[in-house]
Amino acid sequence: MIKDTLGAISTAHLVHADCESNKAKSRKCLELAELHSMAVDFAKTGALAEMPRVLKPKEFPDFMERFEKPMELFVEEAYDHQLEANGFKAFLETASTHKEMYAETIWRYEGSNYDL
């Protein structure tokens, strides 16, 4: 199991899929997907899936909470307009209200012994 690199490859794929412009279809992600398949079969085949240094993440998205590593901070340009559904603007006010209620509840109970 010393040579098992499945976790590192999987994490690298998640990082690159988050930050590459083509997401999971990027060259890096496709290469990592092949390496992942090899790593899954390692115990059966003995063929080692070695991740090239260029594919190892240098920064991690903030949602991964890898505080000991450099993090890629959210920037406004990262907003993906392709994820917008038709008619989404009709729900913005309601969503904003719910977000404010959630934030207020969290603020109110922060540091308390109450479960939300």
PDB file of N, CA and C in Angstrom:
ATOM      1  N   MET A   1       0.810  -1.204   0.000  1.00  0.00           N
ATOM      2  CA  MET A   1       0.000   0.000   0.000  1.00  0.00           C
ATOM      3  C   MET A   1       0.852   1.266   0.000  1.00  0.00           C
ATOM      4  N   ILE A   2       2.149   1.141   0.169  1.00  0.00           N
ATOM      5  CA  ILE A   2       3.033   2.300   0.182  1.00  0.00           C
ATOM      6  C   ILE A   2       2.959   3.028  -1.152  1.00  0.00           C
ATOM      7  N   LYS A   3       2.796   2.279  -2.222  1.00  0.00           N
ATOM      8  CA  LYS A   3       2.776   2.876  -3.559  1.00  0.00           C
ATOM      9  C   LYS A   3       1.379   3.278  -4.008  1.00  0.00           C
ATOM     10  N   ASP A   4       0.397   3.142  -3.138  1.00  0.00           N
ATOM     11  CA  ASP A   4      -0.980   3.477  -3.496  1.00  0.00           C
ATOM     12  C   ASP A   4      -1.148   4.999  -3.562  1.00  0.00           C
ATOM     13  N   THR A   5      -1.398   5.523  -4.745  1.00  0.00           N
ATOM     14  CA  THR A   5      -1.481   6.972  -4.960  1.00  0.00           C
ATOM     15  C   THR A   5      -2.902   7.430  -5.296  1.00  0.00           C
ATOM     16  N   LEU A   6      -3.867   6.561  -5.091  1.00  0.00           N
ATOM     17  CA  LEU A   6      -5.245   6.853  -5.487  1.00  0.00           C
ATOM     18  C   LEU A   6      -5.770   8.143  -4.851  1.00  0.00           C
ATOM     19  N   GLY A   7      -5.550   8.326  -3.557  1.00  0.00           N
ATOM     20  CA  GLY A   7      -6.042   9.517  -2.867  1.00  0.00           C
ATOM     21  C   GLY A   7      -5.443  10.802  -3.406  1.00  0.00           C
ATOM     22  N   ALA A   8      -4.130  10.801  -3.627  1.00  0.00           N
ATOM     23  CA  ALA A   8      -3.457  11.997  -4.143  1.00  0.00           C
ATOM     24  C   ALA A   8      -3.939  12.337  -5.553  1.00  0.00           C
ATOM     25  N   ILE A   9      -4.137  11.322  -6.370  1.00  0.00           N
ATOM     26  CA  ILE A   9      -4.615  11.541  -7.743  1.00  0.00           C
ATOM     27  C   ILE A   9      -6.044  12.076  -7.723  1.00  0.00           C
ATOM     28  N   SER A  10      -6.881  11.497  -6.879  1.00  0.00           N
ATOM     29  CA  SER A  10      -8.265  11.940  -6.764  1.00  0.00           C
ATOM     30  C   SER A  10      -8.355  13.397  -6.302  1.00  0.00           C
ATOM     31  N   THR A  11      -7.545  13.745  -5.306  1.00  0.00           N
ATOM     32  CA  THR A  11      -7.521  15.123  -4.810  1.00  0.00           C
ATOM     33  C   THR A  11      -7.039  16.082  -5.889  1.00  0.00           C
ATOM     34  N   ALA A  12      -5.990  15.708  -6.605  1.00  0.00           N
ATOM     35  CA  ALA A  12      -5.469  16.557  -7.676  1.00  0.00           C
ATOM     36  C   ALA A  12      -6.528  16.777  -8.754  1.00  0.00           C
ATOM     37  N   HIS A  13      -7.281  15.730  -9.083  1.00  0.00           N
ATOM     38  CA  HIS A  13      -8.341  15.854 -10.089  1.00  0.00           C
ATOM     39  C   HIS A  13      -9.396  16.858  -9.626  1.00  0.00           C
ATOM     40  N   LEU A  14      -9.803  16.766  -8.360  1.00  0.00           N
ATOM     41  CA  LEU A  14     -10.794  17.698  -7.826  1.00  0.00           C
ATOM     42  C   LEU A  14     -10.293  19.140  -7.896  1.00  0.00           C
ATOM     43  N   VAL A  15      -9.037  19.353  -7.526  1.00  0.00           N
ATOM     44  CA  VAL A  15      -8.457  20.699  -7.559  1.00  0.00           C
ATOM     45  C   VAL A  15      -8.440  21.250  -8.982  1.00  0.00           C
ATOM     46  N   HIS A  16      -7.936  20.468  -9.923  1.00  0.00           N
ATOM     47  CA  HIS A  16      -7.839  20.949 -11.309  1.00  0.00           C
ATOM     48  C   HIS A  16      -9.218  21.123 -11.948  1.00  0.00           C
ATOM     49  N   ALA A  17     -10.157  20.236 -11.619  1.00  0.00           N
ATOM     50  CA  ALA A  17     -11.511  20.373 -12.177  1.00  0.00           C
ATOM     51  C   ALA A  17     -12.164  21.659 -11.683  1.00  0.00           C
ATOM     52  N   ASP A  18     -11.791  22.094 -10.484  1.00  0.00           N
ATOM     53  CA  ASP A  18     -12.351  23.322  -9.941  1.00  0.00           C
ATOM     54  C   ASP A  18     -11.745  24.568 -10.577  1.00  0.00           C
ATOM     55  N   CYS A  19     -10.453  24.544 -10.885  1.00  0.00           N
ATOM     56  CA  CYS A  19      -9.803  25.794 -11.299  1.00  0.00           C
ATOM     57  C   CYS A  19      -9.460  25.892 -12.791  1.00  0.00           C
ATOM     58  N   GLU A  20      -9.471  24.798 -13.525  1.00  0.00           N
ATOM     59  CA  GLU A  20      -9.169  24.860 -14.962  1.00  0.00           C
ATOM     60  C   GLU A  20     -10.370  25.420 -15.729  1.00  0.00           C
ATOM     61  N   SER A  21     -10.109  26.109 -16.820  1.00  0.00           N
ATOM     62  CA  SER A  21     -11.203  26.724 -17.581  1.00  0.00           C
ATOM     63  C   SER A  21     -12.137  25.675 -18.203  1.00  0.00           C
ATOM     64  N   ASN A  22     -11.610  24.524 -18.608  1.00  0.00           N
ATOM     65  CA  ASN A  22     -12.444  23.464 -19.192  1.00  0.00           C
ATOM     66  C   ASN A  22     -12.942  22.475 -18.151  1.00  0.00           C
ATOM     67  N   LYS A  23     -12.717  22.812 -16.872  1.00  0.00           N
ATOM     68  CA  LYS A  23     -13.165  21.983 -15.744  1.00  0.00           C
ATOM     69  C   LYS A  23     -12.662  20.542 -15.906  1.00  0.00           C
ATOM     70  N   ALA A  24     -13.527  19.539 -15.757  1.00  0.00           N
ATOM     71  CA  ALA A  24     -13.100  18.139 -15.801  1.00  0.00           C
ATOM     72  C   ALA A  24     -12.707  17.678 -17.204  1.00  0.00           C
ATOM     73  N   LYS A  25     -12.975  18.500 -18.208  1.00  0.00           N
ATOM     74  CA  LYS A  25     -12.576  18.144 -19.573  1.00  0.00           C
ATOM     75  C   LYS A  25     -11.196  18.695 -19.934  1.00  0.00           C
ATOM     76  N   SER A  26     -10.527  19.342 -18.988  1.00  0.00           N
ATOM     77  CA  SER A  26      -9.195  19.899 -19.259  1.00  0.00           C
ATOM     78  C   SER A  26      -8.187  18.774 -19.480  1.00  0.00           C
ATOM     79  N   ARG A  27      -7.093  19.093 -20.125  1.00  0.00           N
ATOM     80  CA  ARG A  27      -6.042  18.102 -20.390  1.00  0.00           C
ATOM     81  C   ARG A  27      -5.543  17.489 -19.092  1.00  0.00           C
ATOM     82  N   LYS A  28      -5.335  18.323 -18.075  1.00  0.00           N
ATOM     83  CA  LYS A  28      -4.840  17.819 -16.789  1.00  0.00           C
ATOM     84  C   LYS A  28      -5.827  16.835 -16.169  1.00  0.00           C
ATOM     85  N   CYS A  29      -7.101  17.160 -16.194  1.00  0.00           N
ATOM     86  CA  CYS A  29      -8.106  16.281 -15.597  1.00  0.00           C
ATOM     87  C   CYS A  29      -8.236  14.963 -16.354  1.00  0.00           C
ATOM     88  N   LEU A  30      -8.150  15.024 -17.666  1.00  0.00           N
ATOM     89  CA  LEU A  30      -8.234  13.792 -18.450  1.00  0.00           C
ATOM     90  C   LEU A  30      -7.037  12.886 -18.170  1.00  0.00           C
ATOM     91  N   GLU A  31      -5.867  13.491 -18.031  1.00  0.00           N
ATOM     92  CA  GLU A  31      -4.670  12.707 -17.697  1.00  0.00           C
ATOM     93  C   GLU A  31      -4.794  12.115 -16.290  1.00  0.00           C
ATOM     94  N   LEU A  32      -5.314  12.902 -15.363  1.00  0.00           N
ATOM     95  CA  LEU A  32      -5.513  12.407 -14.003  1.00  0.00           C
ATOM     96  C   LEU A  32      -6.572  11.306 -13.953  1.00  0.00           C
ATOM     97  N   ALA A  33      -7.588  11.382 -14.799  1.00  0.00           N
ATOM     98  CA  ALA A  33      -8.612  10.337 -14.859  1.00  0.00           C
ATOM     99  C   ALA A  33      -7.990   9.007 -15.297  1.00  0.00           C
ATOM    100  N   GLU A  34      -7.081   9.060 -16.261  1.00  0.00           N
ATOM    101  CA  GLU A  34      -6.380   7.838 -16.686  1.00  0.00           C
ATOM    102  C   GLU A  34      -5.518   7.287 -15.563  1.00  0.00           C
ATOM    103  N   LEU A  35      -4.798   8.181 -14.871  1.00  0.00           N
ATOM    104  CA  LEU A  35      -3.976   7.749 -13.748  1.00  0.00           C
ATOM    105  C   LEU A  35      -4.839   7.165 -12.625  1.00  0.00           C
ATOM    106  N   HIS A  36      -6.008   7.753 -12.412  1.00  0.00           N
ATOM    107  CA  HIS A  36      -6.927   7.259 -11.385  1.00  0.00           C
ATOM    108  C   HIS A  36      -7.340   5.822 -11.694  1.00  0.00           C
ATOM    109  N   SER A  37      -7.663   5.572 -12.947  1.00  0.00           N
ATOM    110  CA  SER A  37      -8.048   4.223 -13.365  1.00  0.00           C
ATOM    111  C   SER A  37      -6.904   3.241 -13.115  1.00  0.00           C
ATOM    112  N   MET A  38      -5.683   3.654 -13.439  1.00  0.00           N
ATOM    113  CA  MET A  38      -4.513   2.795 -13.183  1.00  0.00           C
ATOM    114  C   MET A  38      -4.337   2.552 -11.686  1.00  0.00           C
ATOM    115  N   ALA A  39      -4.526   3.601 -10.876  1.00  0.00           N
ATOM    116  CA  ALA A  39      -4.350   3.482  -9.429  1.00  0.00           C
ATOM    117  C   ALA A  39      -5.391   2.546  -8.816  1.00  0.00           C
ATOM    118  N   VAL A  40      -6.613   2.573  -9.345  1.00  0.00           N
ATOM    119  CA  VAL A  40      -7.658   1.673  -8.860  1.00  0.00           C
ATOM    120  C   VAL A  40      -7.252   0.224  -9.098  1.00  0.00           C
ATOM    121  N   ASP A  41      -6.618  -0.042 -10.222  1.00  0.00           N
ATOM    122  CA  ASP A  41      -6.216  -1.404 -10.589  1.00  0.00           C
ATOM    123  C   ASP A  41      -4.852  -1.808 -10.028  1.00  0.00           C
ATOM    124  N   PHE A  42      -4.189  -0.922  -9.286  1.00  0.00           N
ATOM    125  CA  PHE A  42      -2.828  -1.188  -8.796  1.00  0.00           C
ATOM    126  C   PHE A  42      -2.716  -2.505  -8.033  1.00  0.00           C
ATOM    127  N   ALA A  43      -3.633  -2.766  -7.110  1.00  0.00           N
ATOM    128  CA  ALA A  43      -3.561  -3.985  -6.303  1.00  0.00           C
ATOM    129  C   ALA A  43      -3.668  -5.243  -7.162  1.00  0.00           C
ATOM    130  N   LYS A  44      -4.399  -5.124  -8.253  1.00  0.00           N
ATOM    131  CA  LYS A  44      -4.620  -6.274  -9.137  1.00  0.00           C
ATOM    132  C   LYS A  44      -3.481  -6.436 -10.140  1.00  0.00           C
ATOM    133  N   THR A  45      -3.022  -5.314 -10.713  1.00  0.00           N
ATOM    134  CA  THR A  45      -2.037  -5.389 -11.795  1.00  0.00           C
ATOM    135  C   THR A  45      -0.608  -5.158 -11.340  1.00  0.00           C
ATOM    136  N   GLY A  46      -0.436  -4.434 -10.255  1.00  0.00           N
ATOM    137  CA  GLY A  46       0.917  -4.084  -9.810  1.00  0.00           C
ATOM    138  C   GLY A  46       1.513  -2.935 -10.601  1.00  0.00           C
ATOM    139  N   ALA A  47       0.755  -2.390 -11.570  1.00  0.00           N
ATOM    140  CA  ALA A  47       1.229  -1.267 -12.382  1.00  0.00           C
ATOM    141  C   ALA A  47       1.043   0.022 -11.589  1.00  0.00           C
ATOM    142  N   LEU A  48       2.129   0.698 -11.316  1.00  0.00           N
ATOM    143  CA  LEU A  48       2.106   1.905 -10.500  1.00  0.00           C
ATOM    144  C   LEU A  48       1.622   3.111 -11.310  1.00  0.00           C
ATOM    145  N   ALA A  49       0.725   3.866 -10.735  1.00  0.00           N
ATOM    146  CA  ALA A  49       0.239   5.102 -11.359  1.00  0.00           C
ATOM    147  C   ALA A  49       0.983   6.258 -10.702  1.00  0.00           C
ATOM    148  N   GLU A  50       2.018   6.727 -11.319  1.00  0.00           N
ATOM    149  CA  GLU A  50       2.797   7.829 -10.765  1.00  0.00           C
ATOM    150  C   GLU A  50       2.308   9.152 -11.328  1.00  0.00           C
ATOM    151  N   MET A  51       2.028  10.079 -10.434  1.00  0.00           N
ATOM    152  CA  MET A  51       1.523  11.387 -10.837  1.00  0.00           C
ATOM    153  C   MET A  51       2.708  12.308 -11.130  1.00  0.00           C
ATOM    154  N   PRO A  52       2.777  12.844 -12.341  1.00  0.00           N
ATOM    155  CA  PRO A  52       3.853  13.787 -12.667  1.00  0.00           C
ATOM    156  C   PRO A  52       3.777  15.032 -11.801  1.00  0.00           C
ATOM    157  N   ARG A  53       4.909  15.612 -11.526  1.00  0.00           N
ATOM    158  CA  ARG A  53       4.984  16.801 -10.674  1.00  0.00           C
ATOM    159  C   ARG A  53       4.094  17.935 -11.190  1.00  0.00           C
ATOM    160  N   VAL A  54       3.984  18.075 -12.502  1.00  0.00           N
ATOM    161  CA  VAL A  54       3.196  19.164 -13.090  1.00  0.00           C
ATOM    162  C   VAL A  54       1.705  19.044 -12.746  1.00  0.00           C
ATOM    163  N   LEU A  55       1.243  17.840 -12.403  1.00  0.00           N
ATOM    164  CA  LEU A  55      -0.166  17.639 -12.067  1.00  0.00           C
ATOM    165  C   LEU A  55      -0.449  17.786 -10.579  1.00  0.00           C
ATOM    166  N   LYS A  56       0.586  17.892  -9.770  1.00  0.00           N
ATOM    167  CA  LYS A  56       0.383  18.058  -8.325  1.00  0.00           C
ATOM    168  C   LYS A  56      -0.067  19.488  -8.049  1.00  0.00           C
ATOM    169  N   PRO A  57      -1.169  19.646  -7.331  1.00  0.00           N
ATOM    170  CA  PRO A  57      -1.701  20.991  -7.066  1.00  0.00           C
ATOM    171  C   PRO A  57      -0.729  21.840  -6.241  1.00  0.00           C
ATOM    172  N   LYS A  58      -0.657  23.103  -6.609  1.00  0.00           N
ATOM    173  CA  LYS A  58       0.161  24.053  -5.859  1.00  0.00           C
ATOM    174  C   LYS A  58      -0.714  24.898  -4.933  1.00  0.00           C
ATOM    175  N   GLU A  59      -1.988  25.035  -5.295  1.00  0.00           N
ATOM    176  CA  GLU A  59      -2.978  25.755  -4.490  1.00  0.00           C
ATOM    177  C   GLU A  59      -4.228  24.892  -4.411  1.00  0.00           C
ATOM    178  N   PHE A  60      -5.003  25.110  -3.359  1.00  0.00           N
ATOM    179  CA  PHE A  60      -6.226  24.349  -3.160  1.00  0.00           C
ATOM    180  C   PHE A  60      -7.412  25.300  -3.067  1.00  0.00           C
ATOM    181  N   PRO A  61      -8.569  24.891  -3.615  1.00  0.00           N
ATOM    182  CA  PRO A  61      -9.765  25.731  -3.489  1.00  0.00           C
ATOM    183  C   PRO A  61     -10.135  25.891  -2.018  1.00  0.00           C
ATOM    184  N   ASP A  62     -10.719  27.011  -1.664  1.00  0.00           N
ATOM    185  CA  ASP A  62     -11.049  27.270  -0.266  1.00  0.00           C
ATOM    186  C   ASP A  62     -12.021  26.247   0.313  1.00  0.00           C
ATOM    187  N   PHE A  63     -12.909  25.666  -0.508  1.00  0.00           N
ATOM    188  CA  PHE A  63     -13.880  24.713   0.017  1.00  0.00           C
ATOM    189  C   PHE A  63     -13.236  23.423   0.508  1.00  0.00           C
ATOM    190  N   MET A  64     -11.988  23.163   0.112  1.00  0.00           N
ATOM    191  CA  MET A  64     -11.305  21.962   0.572  1.00  0.00           C
ATOM    192  C   MET A  64     -10.701  22.148   1.964  1.00  0.00           C
ATOM    193  N   GLU A  65     -10.670  23.388   2.429  1.00  0.00           N
ATOM    194  CA  GLU A  65     -10.192  23.723   3.765  1.00  0.00           C
ATOM    195  C   GLU A  65      -8.834  23.106   4.075  1.00  0.00           C
ATOM    196  N   ARG A  66      -7.917  23.262   3.150  1.00  0.00           N
ATOM    197  CA  ARG A  66      -6.534  22.798   3.367  1.00  0.00           C
ATOM    198  C   ARG A  66      -5.737  23.990   3.855  1.00  0.00           C
ATOM    199  N   PHE A  67      -5.976  24.383   5.101  1.00  0.00           N
ATOM    200  CA  PHE A  67      -5.429  25.615   5.641  1.00  0.00           C
ATOM    201  C   PHE A  67      -3.906  25.603   5.723  1.00  0.00           C
ATOM    202  N   GLU A  68      -3.312  24.415   5.763  1.00  0.00           N
ATOM    203  CA  GLU A  68      -1.853  24.333   5.817  1.00  0.00           C
ATOM    204  C   GLU A  68      -1.218  24.523   4.433  1.00  0.00           C
ATOM    205  N   LYS A  69      -2.038  24.572   3.395  1.00  0.00           N
ATOM    206  CA  LYS A  69      -1.572  24.734   2.016  1.00  0.00           C
ATOM    207  C   LYS A  69      -2.051  26.077   1.474  1.00  0.00           C
ATOM    208  N   PRO A  70      -1.359  26.595   0.439  1.00  0.00           N
ATOM    209  CA  PRO A  70      -1.861  27.834  -0.189  1.00  0.00           C
ATOM    210  C   PRO A  70      -3.244  27.586  -0.781  1.00  0.00           C
ATOM    211  N   MET A  71      -4.131  28.568  -0.622  1.00  0.00           N
ATOM    212  CA  MET A  71      -5.488  28.419  -1.144  1.00  0.00           C
ATOM    213  C   MET A  71      -5.752  29.435  -2.238  1.00  0.00           C
ATOM    214  N   GLU A  72      -6.527  28.990  -3.199  1.00  0.00           N
ATOM    215  CA  GLU A  72      -7.000  29.873  -4.263  1.00  0.00           C
ATOM    216  C   GLU A  72      -8.246  30.550  -3.730  1.00  0.00           C
ATOM    217  N   LEU A  73      -8.209  31.826  -3.577  1.00  0.00           N
ATOM    218  CA  LEU A  73      -9.340  32.556  -3.023  1.00  0.00           C
ATOM    219  C   LEU A  73     -10.370  32.827  -4.101  1.00  0.00           C
ATOM    220  N   PHE A  74     -11.617  32.896  -3.698  1.00  0.00           N
ATOM    221  CA  PHE A  74     -12.702  33.177  -4.630  1.00  0.00           C
ATOM    222  C   PHE A  74     -12.540  34.579  -5.199  1.00  0.00           C
ATOM    223  N   VAL A  75     -12.639  34.660  -6.504  1.00  0.00           N
ATOM    224  CA  VAL A  75     -12.609  35.961  -7.170  1.00  0.00           C
ATOM    225  C   VAL A  75     -13.873  36.089  -8.000  1.00  0.00           C
ATOM    226  N   GLU A  76     -14.321  37.291  -8.188  1.00  0.00           N
ATOM    227  CA  GLU A  76     -15.566  37.540  -8.904  1.00  0.00           C
ATOM    228  C   GLU A  76     -15.548  36.941 -10.313  1.00  0.00           C
ATOM    229  N   GLU A  77     -14.371  36.910 -10.962  1.00  0.00           N
ATOM    230  CA  GLU A  77     -14.285  36.387 -12.324  1.00  0.00           C
ATOM    231  C   GLU A  77     -14.555  34.896 -12.382  1.00  0.00           C
ATOM    232  N   ALA A  78     -14.525  34.206 -11.247  1.00  0.00           N
ATOM    233  CA  ALA A  78     -14.738  32.764 -11.229  1.00  0.00           C
ATOM    234  C   ALA A  78     -16.218  32.403 -11.393  1.00  0.00           C
ATOM    235  N   TYR A  79     -17.095  33.381 -11.383  1.00  0.00           N
ATOM    236  CA  TYR A  79     -18.518  33.123 -11.550  1.00  0.00           C
ATOM    237  C   TYR A  79     -18.763  32.516 -12.920  1.00  0.00           C
ATOM    238  N   ASP A  80     -19.414  31.375 -12.953  1.00  0.00           N
ATOM    239  CA  ASP A  80     -19.643  30.652 -14.202  1.00  0.00           C
ATOM    240  C   ASP A  80     -21.068  30.907 -14.700  1.00  0.00           C
ATOM    241  N   HIS A  81     -21.216  31.772 -15.682  1.00  0.00           N
ATOM    242  CA  HIS A  81     -22.531  32.122 -16.217  1.00  0.00           C
ATOM    243  C   HIS A  81     -23.210  30.960 -16.919  1.00  0.00           C
ATOM    244  N   GLN A  82     -22.443  29.934 -17.306  1.00  0.00           N
ATOM    245  CA  GLN A  82     -23.043  28.773 -17.961  1.00  0.00           C
ATOM    246  C   GLN A  82     -23.917  27.963 -17.002  1.00  0.00           C
ATOM    247  N   LEU A  83     -23.765  28.188 -15.710  1.00  0.00           N
ATOM    248  CA  LEU A  83     -24.556  27.453 -14.725  1.00  0.00           C
ATOM    249  C   LEU A  83     -25.904  28.114 -14.436  1.00  0.00           C
ATOM    250  N   GLU A  84     -26.158  29.270 -15.040  1.00  0.00           N
ATOM    251  CA  GLU A  84     -27.422  29.971 -14.826  1.00  0.00           C
ATOM    252  C   GLU A  84     -28.557  29.267 -15.572  1.00  0.00           C
ATOM    253  N   ALA A  85     -29.666  29.085 -14.889  1.00  0.00           N
ATOM    254  CA  ALA A  85     -30.852  28.500 -15.520  1.00  0.00           C
ATOM    255  C   ALA A  85     -31.763  29.615 -16.005  1.00  0.00           C
ATOM    256  N   ASN A  86     -32.523  29.345 -17.034  1.00  0.00           N
ATOM    257  CA  ASN A  86     -33.472  30.336 -17.534  1.00  0.00           C
ATOM    258  C   ASN A  86     -34.443  30.723 -16.433  1.00  0.00           C
ATOM    259  N   GLY A  87     -34.666  32.004 -16.250  1.00  0.00           N
ATOM    260  CA  GLY A  87     -35.608  32.498 -15.267  1.00  0.00           C
ATOM    261  C   GLY A  87     -35.063  32.587 -13.854  1.00  0.00           C
ATOM    262  N   PHE A  88     -33.743  32.424 -13.679  1.00  0.00           N
ATOM    263  CA  PHE A  88     -33.170  32.438 -12.331  1.00  0.00           C
ATOM    264  C   PHE A  88     -33.356  33.777 -11.617  1.00  0.00           C
ATOM    265  N   LYS A  89     -33.433  34.862 -12.381  1.00  0.00           N
ATOM    266  CA  LYS A  89     -33.537  36.186 -11.763  1.00  0.00           C
ATOM    267  C   LYS A  89     -34.820  36.350 -10.955  1.00  0.00           C
ATOM    268  N   ALA A  90     -35.847  35.600 -11.293  1.00  0.00           N
ATOM    269  CA  ALA A  90     -37.107  35.686 -10.560  1.00  0.00           C
ATOM    270  C   ALA A  90     -36.966  35.169  -9.127  1.00  0.00           C
ATOM    271  N   PHE A  91     -35.928  34.395  -8.857  1.00  0.00           N
ATOM    272  CA  PHE A  91     -35.741  33.791  -7.536  1.00  0.00           C
ATOM    273  C   PHE A  91     -34.672  34.482  -6.702  1.00  0.00           C
ATOM    274  N   LEU A  92     -33.998  35.498  -7.251  1.00  0.00           N
ATOM    275  CA  LEU A  92     -32.896  36.141  -6.537  1.00  0.00           C
ATOM    276  C   LEU A  92     -33.329  36.794  -5.229  1.00  0.00           C
ATOM    277  N   GLU A  93     -34.460  37.479  -5.220  1.00  0.00           N
ATOM    278  CA  GLU A  93     -34.912  38.159  -4.004  1.00  0.00           C
ATOM    279  C   GLU A  93     -35.230  37.142  -2.902  1.00  0.00           C
ATOM    280  N   THR A  94     -35.914  36.073  -3.253  1.00  0.00           N
ATOM    281  CA  THR A  94     -36.241  35.035  -2.274  1.00  0.00           C
ATOM    282  C   THR A  94     -34.967  34.378  -1.751  1.00  0.00           C
ATOM    283  N   ALA A  95     -34.049  34.081  -2.643  1.00  0.00           N
ATOM    284  CA  ALA A  95     -32.789  33.461  -2.238  1.00  0.00           C
ATOM    285  C   ALA A  95     -32.004  34.382  -1.306  1.00  0.00           C
ATOM    286  N   SER A  96     -31.998  35.656  -1.596  1.00  0.00           N
ATOM    287  CA  SER A  96     -31.299  36.629  -0.760  1.00  0.00           C
ATOM    288  C   SER A  96     -31.907  36.684   0.635  1.00  0.00           C
ATOM    289  N   THR A  97     -33.225  36.647   0.695  1.00  0.00           N
ATOM    290  CA  THR A  97     -33.914  36.658   1.991  1.00  0.00           C
ATOM    291  C   THR A  97     -33.541  35.423   2.809  1.00  0.00           C
ATOM    292  N   HIS A  98     -33.533  34.266   2.177  1.00  0.00           N
ATOM    293  CA  HIS A  98     -33.181  33.031   2.879  1.00  0.00           C
ATOM    294  C   HIS A  98     -31.715  33.039   3.323  1.00  0.00           C
ATOM    295  N   LYS A  99     -30.867  33.596   2.513  1.00  0.00           N
ATOM    296  CA  LYS A  99     -29.451  33.686   2.877  1.00  0.00           C
ATOM    297  C   LYS A  99     -29.282  34.575   4.104  1.00  0.00           C
ATOM    298  N   GLU A 100     -29.969  35.698   4.129  1.00  0.00           N
ATOM    299  CA  GLU A 100     -29.886  36.602   5.279  1.00  0.00           C
ATOM    300  C   GLU A 100     -30.425  35.933   6.538  1.00  0.00           C
ATOM    301  N   MET A 101     -31.536  35.193   6.424  1.00  0.00           N
ATOM    302  CA  MET A 101     -32.087  34.482   7.579  1.00  0.00           C
ATOM    303  C   MET A 101     -31.099  33.432   8.094  1.00  0.00           C
ATOM    304  N   TYR A 102     -30.478  32.723   7.192  1.00  0.00           N
ATOM    305  CA  TYR A 102     -29.489  31.712   7.559  1.00  0.00           C
ATOM    306  C   TYR A 102     -28.303  32.356   8.277  1.00  0.00           C
ATOM    307  N   ALA A 103     -27.772  33.433   7.700  1.00  0.00           N
ATOM    308  CA  ALA A 103     -26.626  34.120   8.297  1.00  0.00           C
ATOM    309  C   ALA A 103     -26.969  34.643   9.696  1.00  0.00           C
ATOM    310  N   GLU A 104     -28.170  35.172   9.859  1.00  0.00           N
ATOM    311  CA  GLU A 104     -28.601  35.676  11.167  1.00  0.00           C
ATOM    312  C   GLU A 104     -28.696  34.548  12.183  1.00  0.00           C
ATOM    313  N   THR A 105     -29.238  33.408  11.764  1.00  0.00           N
ATOM    314  CA  THR A 105     -29.350  32.251  12.660  1.00  0.00           C
ATOM    315  C   THR A 105     -27.973  31.754  13.077  1.00  0.00           C
ATOM    316  N   ILE A 106     -27.077  31.660  12.140  1.00  0.00           N
ATOM    317  CA  ILE A 106     -25.707  31.230  12.447  1.00  0.00           C
ATOM    318  C   ILE A 106     -25.056  32.212  13.405  1.00  0.00           C
ATOM    319  N   TRP A 107     -25.199  33.498  13.137  1.00  0.00           N
ATOM    320  CA  TRP A 107     -24.593  34.521  13.991  1.00  0.00           C
ATOM    321  C   TRP A 107     -25.160  34.434  15.405  1.00  0.00           C
ATOM    322  N   ARG A 108     -26.473  34.231  15.502  1.00  0.00           N
ATOM    323  CA  ARG A 108     -27.140  34.193  16.800  1.00  0.00           C
ATOM    324  C   ARG A 108     -26.673  33.009  17.643  1.00  0.00           C
ATOM    325  N   TYR A 109     -26.467  31.876  17.015  1.00  0.00           N
ATOM    326  CA  TYR A 109     -26.108  30.664  17.738  1.00  0.00           C
ATOM    327  C   TYR A 109     -24.609  30.381  17.750  1.00  0.00           C
ATOM    328  N   GLU A 110     -23.830  31.219  17.091  1.00  0.00           N
ATOM    329  CA  GLU A 110     -22.385  30.987  17.040  1.00  0.00           C
ATOM    330  C   GLU A 110     -21.822  31.017  18.459  1.00  0.00           C
ATOM    331  N   GLY A 111     -21.073  30.010  18.786  1.00  0.00           N
ATOM    332  CA  GLY A 111     -20.451  29.940  20.097  1.00  0.00           C
ATOM    333  C   GLY A 111     -21.375  29.423  21.190  1.00  0.00           C
ATOM    334  N   SER A 112     -22.648  29.166  20.872  1.00  0.00           N
ATOM    335  CA  SER A 112     -23.567  28.646  21.876  1.00  0.00           C
ATOM    336  C   SER A 112     -23.529  27.116  21.866  1.00  0.00           C
ATOM    337  N   ASN A 113     -24.228  26.504  22.786  1.00  0.00           N
ATOM    338  CA  ASN A 113     -24.301  25.049  22.871  1.00  0.00           C
ATOM    339  C   ASN A 113     -25.518  24.482  22.152  1.00  0.00           C
ATOM    340  N   TYR A 114     -26.242  25.331  21.440  1.00  0.00           N
ATOM    341  CA  TYR A 114     -27.450  24.884  20.761  1.00  0.00           C
ATOM    342  C   TYR A 114     -27.120  24.259  19.423  1.00  0.00           C
ATOM    343  N   ASP A 115     -27.826  23.191  19.097  1.00  0.00           N
ATOM    344  CA  ASP A 115     -27.735  22.611  17.752  1.00  0.00           C
ATOM    345  C   ASP A 115     -28.764  23.293  16.885  1.00  0.00           C
ATOM    346  N   LEU A 116     -28.386  23.578  15.660  1.00  0.00           N
ATOM    347  CA  LEU A 116     -29.331  24.232  14.752  1.00  0.00           C
ATOM    348  C   LEU A 116     -30.273  23.228  14.153  1.00  0.00           C
TER     349      LEU A 116
END
